[in-house]
Amino acid sequence: MPARHEEIADELRRAIGREEYAVGALLPAETDLATRYGVSRGTVRQAVAALTAEGLIGSRQGARRVVLASRRSQSFAELRSFAQWARAMGRAATGRVVAQEYRPAGAEDAVRLQVDAGSPVLHVLRVRGLDGEPVLLERTVYAGWIAPAVEPIEPDCPSVTQRLLDDTGLVFAYGEHVIDAVAAGARDAELLGVRRTSPLLRVRRVTTTHEGRPVEWSDDRYRSDAVSFSVHNSIGNNALARKTAG
């Protein structure tokens, strides 16, 4: 049975997801929340701390908390897999492999994965969902050294990242993300259940180990009506870099 502060945190997550507290709005004061739920302020603080750690609300000493993101915002303030992000929202991540095959590394594969052109790399196309609703297409290319561990993973595995950690000890340590917008082609539209030319949010990413060895690069395309992106920054730290398209 979950602890009381976990139950309160879950209720607040759902309220934020329903936009009862919109982005930029203040949460009720700790004393008001304690009265509402019939608990101590310490229990409320534990619940609020969980939401702060997830990036849903901002924390400021002695002040009411501000809602920073809705539950369907993907934050890039930390490196998280799709399944980890879904779990933090209280949602179930689903996945389905549509196609998987080895191909000779092309010029882009060679540069991004630091492999020789023509060497075998594993291409995987997955549809990812939240509670079964398709929201993301992942076109991922795995370096040859990790591909044999990826190849036998079952097609509906919800978290390849977690499976690779469990099976091989591999930790995805660093990621670089480039975000832009593209129109859905016929294949994307069919797999995501949207109209052709619908806007999709594209994230191109390269993920490496602690030592900087490239593991994968991916072209991820999100339904823009289902997921948004958030970057939390401050005067002292800005995780977002602006670049011209190209």
Protein backbone atom coordinates (compact mmCIF):
# COMPACT_ATOMS: atom_id res chain seq x y z
CA MET A 1 0.00 0.00 0.00
CA PRO A 2 1.50 3.38 -0.98
CA ALA A 3 2.47 5.86 1.72
CA ARG A 4 0.15 8.80 2.28
CA HIS A 5 2.54 11.32 0.75
CA GLU A 6 2.72 9.16 -2.41
CA GLU A 7 -1.09 9.15 -2.65
CA ILE A 8 -1.18 12.94 -2.29
CA ALA A 9 1.54 13.36 -4.92
CA ASP A 10 -0.45 11.16 -7.30
CA GLU A 11 -3.63 13.21 -6.75
CA LEU A 12 -1.73 16.43 -7.43
CA ARG A 13 -0.20 14.92 -10.60
CA ARG A 14 -3.65 14.06 -11.89
CA ALA A 15 -4.91 17.57 -11.07
CA ILE A 16 -1.99 19.09 -12.99
CA GLY A 17 -2.67 16.70 -15.88
CA ARG A 18 -6.32 17.85 -15.96
CA GLU A 19 -5.00 21.45 -15.90
CA GLU A 20 -6.81 22.25 -12.67
CA TYR A 21 -3.44 23.88 -11.99
CA ALA A 22 -2.22 25.27 -15.32
CA VAL A 23 1.42 25.97 -16.16
CA GLY A 24 2.37 29.15 -14.31
CA ALA A 25 -0.34 28.73 -11.66
CA LEU A 26 0.42 28.47 -7.95
CA LEU A 27 -0.31 25.35 -5.95
CA PRO A 28 -2.31 25.90 -2.74
CA ALA A 29 -0.24 26.70 0.33
CA GLU A 30 1.13 23.78 2.36
CA THR A 31 -1.25 24.58 5.22
CA ASP A 32 -4.24 24.48 2.85
CA LEU A 33 -3.11 21.17 1.32
CA ALA A 34 -2.52 19.71 4.79
CA THR A 35 -6.06 20.65 5.79
CA ARG A 36 -7.55 19.31 2.54
CA TYR A 37 -5.89 15.91 2.91
CA GLY A 38 -6.00 15.71 6.73
CA VAL A 39 -2.23 15.28 7.12
CA SER A 40 0.72 17.15 8.59
CA ARG A 41 2.65 19.80 6.67
CA GLY A 42 5.62 17.40 6.69
CA THR A 43 3.61 14.85 4.71
CA VAL A 44 2.61 17.56 2.23
CA ARG A 45 6.25 18.60 1.88
CA GLN A 46 7.18 15.02 0.95
CA ALA A 47 4.50 14.96 -1.75
CA VAL A 48 5.58 18.35 -3.09
CA ALA A 49 9.24 17.26 -3.09
CA ALA A 50 8.35 14.32 -5.36
CA LEU A 51 6.65 16.64 -7.88
CA THR A 52 9.59 19.04 -7.73
CA ALA A 53 12.03 16.20 -8.48
CA GLU A 54 9.93 15.27 -11.53
CA GLY A 55 10.07 18.82 -12.84
CA LEU A 56 6.32 19.41 -12.58
CA ILE A 57 6.59 22.25 -10.08
CA GLY A 58 9.21 24.78 -9.07
CA SER A 59 10.58 25.10 -5.57
CA ARG A 60 11.37 28.33 -3.75
CA GLN A 61 12.09 28.57 -0.03
CA GLY A 62 9.16 30.09 1.85
CA ALA A 63 7.00 30.53 -1.24
CA ARG A 64 4.14 28.66 -2.85
CA ARG A 65 5.12 26.27 -5.62
CA VAL A 66 4.59 27.19 -9.27
CA VAL A 67 3.45 24.63 -11.86
CA LEU A 68 6.19 24.34 -14.48
CA ALA A 69 4.90 21.62 -16.78
CA SER A 70 1.88 19.51 -17.57
CA ARG A 71 2.13 15.74 -17.25
CA ARG A 72 2.60 15.33 -21.00
CA SER A 73 5.65 17.58 -21.17
CA GLN A 74 8.94 15.87 -21.94
CA SER A 75 11.71 17.64 -20.02
CA PHE A 76 15.28 17.64 -21.35
CA ALA A 77 16.75 18.84 -18.06
CA GLU A 78 17.87 15.25 -17.44
CA LEU A 79 18.46 12.20 -19.63
CA ARG A 80 15.43 9.94 -19.36
CA SER A 81 14.12 7.13 -21.51
CA PHE A 82 10.56 7.29 -22.84
CA ALA A 83 9.50 4.59 -20.35
CA GLN A 84 11.08 6.44 -17.41
CA TRP A 85 9.30 9.65 -18.42
CA ALA A 86 5.97 7.83 -18.77
CA ARG A 87 6.38 6.14 -15.39
CA ALA A 88 7.14 9.48 -13.71
CA MET A 89 3.77 10.70 -15.03
CA GLY A 90 1.95 7.64 -13.73
CA ARG A 91 1.41 6.37 -17.29
CA ALA A 92 2.24 3.01 -18.87
CA ALA A 93 4.76 3.05 -21.71
CA THR A 94 4.02 0.69 -24.57
CA GLY A 95 6.17 -0.23 -27.53
CA ARG A 96 5.98 -2.20 -30.75
CA VAL A 97 8.74 -2.93 -33.24
CA VAL A 98 7.50 -2.36 -36.78
CA ALA A 99 10.75 -3.17 -38.60
CA GLN A 100 14.24 -4.29 -37.62
CA GLU A 101 17.20 -5.08 -39.86
CA TYR A 102 20.96 -4.79 -40.22
CA ARG A 103 22.19 -2.37 -42.87
CA PRO A 104 25.60 -1.09 -43.91
CA ALA A 105 26.37 2.16 -42.08
CA GLY A 106 25.73 5.17 -44.27
CA ALA A 107 27.61 8.44 -44.09
CA GLU A 108 25.35 9.87 -41.35
CA ASP A 109 25.49 6.63 -39.34
CA ALA A 110 29.28 6.63 -39.56
CA VAL A 111 29.60 10.19 -38.29
CA ARG A 112 27.05 9.94 -35.50
CA LEU A 113 28.09 6.49 -34.24
CA GLN A 114 31.83 6.89 -34.96
CA VAL A 115 31.95 3.68 -36.99
CA ASP A 116 33.35 2.83 -40.40
CA ALA A 117 31.07 3.47 -43.36
CA GLY A 118 29.69 0.15 -44.58
CA SER A 119 30.03 -1.63 -41.23
CA PRO A 120 26.81 -3.34 -40.01
CA VAL A 121 24.47 -1.30 -37.81
CA LEU A 122 21.00 -2.23 -36.58
CA HIS A 123 18.04 -0.12 -37.72
CA VAL A 124 14.86 -0.38 -35.62
CA LEU A 125 11.52 1.35 -36.19
CA ARG A 126 9.28 1.39 -33.10
CA VAL A 127 5.88 2.84 -32.32
CA ARG A 128 5.76 4.05 -28.71
CA GLY A 129 2.58 4.79 -26.78
CA LEU A 130 1.15 6.11 -23.54
CA ASP A 131 -1.40 3.67 -22.12
CA GLY A 132 -1.67 2.15 -25.59
CA GLU A 133 -2.21 5.46 -27.44
CA PRO A 134 0.50 5.90 -30.13
CA VAL A 135 2.40 9.15 -29.60
CA LEU A 136 5.92 8.56 -30.92
CA LEU A 137 7.84 6.93 -33.75
CA GLU A 138 11.45 6.01 -33.00
CA ARG A 139 13.82 5.36 -35.89
CA THR A 140 16.90 4.20 -34.02
CA VAL A 141 20.27 3.07 -35.36
CA TYR A 142 22.38 1.01 -32.93
CA ALA A 143 26.15 0.72 -33.17
CA GLY A 144 27.42 -2.73 -34.13
CA TRP A 145 28.99 -3.40 -30.73
CA ILE A 146 25.62 -3.16 -28.89
CA ALA A 147 23.34 -4.41 -31.70
CA PRO A 148 23.60 -8.15 -30.73
CA ALA A 149 22.14 -7.26 -27.30
CA VAL A 150 19.30 -5.25 -28.84
CA GLU A 151 18.35 -7.72 -31.59
CA PRO A 152 16.77 -10.46 -29.38
CA ILE A 153 14.73 -8.08 -27.21
CA GLU A 154 11.02 -8.86 -27.58
CA PRO A 155 9.15 -6.51 -29.97
CA ASP A 156 6.77 -5.21 -27.29
CA CYS A 157 9.43 -4.50 -24.64
CA PRO A 158 8.35 -1.25 -22.90
CA SER A 159 11.91 -0.10 -22.10
CA VAL A 160 14.92 -1.10 -24.18
CA THR A 161 17.05 1.19 -22.00
CA GLN A 162 16.13 -0.76 -18.86
CA ARG A 163 16.56 -4.12 -20.61
CA LEU A 164 20.06 -3.23 -21.78
CA LEU A 165 20.94 -2.11 -18.25
CA ASP A 166 19.63 -5.38 -16.80
CA ASP A 167 21.23 -7.62 -19.44
CA THR A 168 24.56 -5.89 -20.09
CA GLY A 169 25.01 -3.20 -17.43
CA LEU A 170 24.95 -0.52 -20.14
CA VAL A 171 24.15 2.97 -18.85
CA PHE A 172 22.96 5.65 -21.28
CA ALA A 173 24.91 8.53 -19.76
CA TYR A 174 24.84 11.49 -22.15
CA GLY A 175 22.50 12.68 -24.87
CA GLU A 176 22.43 15.51 -27.38
CA HIS A 177 19.02 16.51 -28.74
CA VAL A 178 18.16 18.63 -31.78
CA ILE A 179 14.48 19.61 -31.95
CA ASP A 180 12.51 20.81 -34.96
CA ALA A 181 9.15 20.32 -36.68
CA VAL A 182 8.33 18.14 -39.70
CA ALA A 183 5.20 17.14 -41.60
CA ALA A 184 3.95 13.57 -41.30
CA GLY A 185 4.57 11.48 -44.38
CA ALA A 186 2.28 8.62 -45.39
CA ARG A 187 4.08 6.00 -43.23
CA ASP A 188 4.27 8.24 -40.17
CA ALA A 189 0.61 9.22 -40.51
CA GLU A 190 -0.50 5.60 -40.73
CA LEU A 191 1.53 4.43 -37.72
CA LEU A 192 0.58 7.37 -35.50
CA GLY A 193 -3.06 7.58 -36.55
CA VAL A 194 -2.87 11.18 -37.80
CA ARG A 195 -3.58 12.89 -41.11
CA ARG A 196 -0.83 13.10 -43.69
CA THR A 197 1.13 16.40 -43.41
CA SER A 198 0.08 16.77 -39.75
CA PRO A 199 2.81 18.55 -37.75
CA LEU A 200 5.16 16.30 -35.81
CA LEU A 201 7.78 17.34 -33.25
CA ARG A 202 11.08 15.75 -34.25
CA VAL A 203 13.96 15.07 -31.87
CA ARG A 204 17.22 13.84 -33.36
CA ARG A 205 19.46 12.51 -30.62
CA VAL A 206 22.77 10.77 -30.10
CA THR A 207 23.27 8.84 -26.85
CA THR A 208 26.63 7.78 -25.46
CA THR A 209 28.15 5.88 -22.53
CA HIS A 210 29.99 7.54 -19.63
CA GLU A 211 33.17 7.18 -21.68
CA GLY A 212 31.61 8.99 -24.64
CA ARG A 213 31.19 5.90 -26.82
CA PRO A 214 28.13 6.31 -29.08
CA VAL A 215 25.44 3.68 -28.45
CA GLU A 216 22.65 4.84 -30.76
CA TRP A 217 21.32 7.70 -32.77
CA SER A 218 17.64 8.22 -33.39
CA ASP A 219 15.10 10.26 -35.29
CA ASP A 220 12.10 10.46 -32.93
CA ARG A 221 8.80 11.93 -34.13
CA TYR A 222 6.11 12.88 -31.61
CA ARG A 223 2.47 13.71 -32.26
CA SER A 224 2.32 17.42 -31.52
CA ASP A 225 -1.21 17.11 -30.10
CA ALA A 226 -0.08 14.49 -27.59
CA VAL A 227 3.31 15.60 -26.27
CA SER A 228 5.09 18.89 -25.66
CA PHE A 229 8.71 19.59 -24.70
CA SER A 230 9.92 21.62 -21.75
CA VAL A 231 13.34 22.99 -20.85
CA HIS A 232 13.80 24.43 -17.36
CA ASN A 233 16.47 27.08 -17.22
CA SER A 234 17.60 29.93 -15.03
CA ILE A 235 19.89 32.93 -15.12
CA GLY A 236 22.75 30.64 -14.13
CA ASN A 237 21.99 27.56 -16.20
CA ASN A 238 20.42 27.20 -19.63
CA ALA A 239 20.01 23.70 -21.04
CA LEU A 240 18.58 25.01 -24.32
CA ALA A 241 20.71 26.29 -27.19
CA ARG A 242 19.13 28.19 -30.09
CA LYS A 243 20.37 27.32 -33.56
CA THR A 244 19.31 28.20 -37.07
CA ALA A 245 17.62 25.44 -39.03
CA GLY A 246 19.78 23.45 -41.34
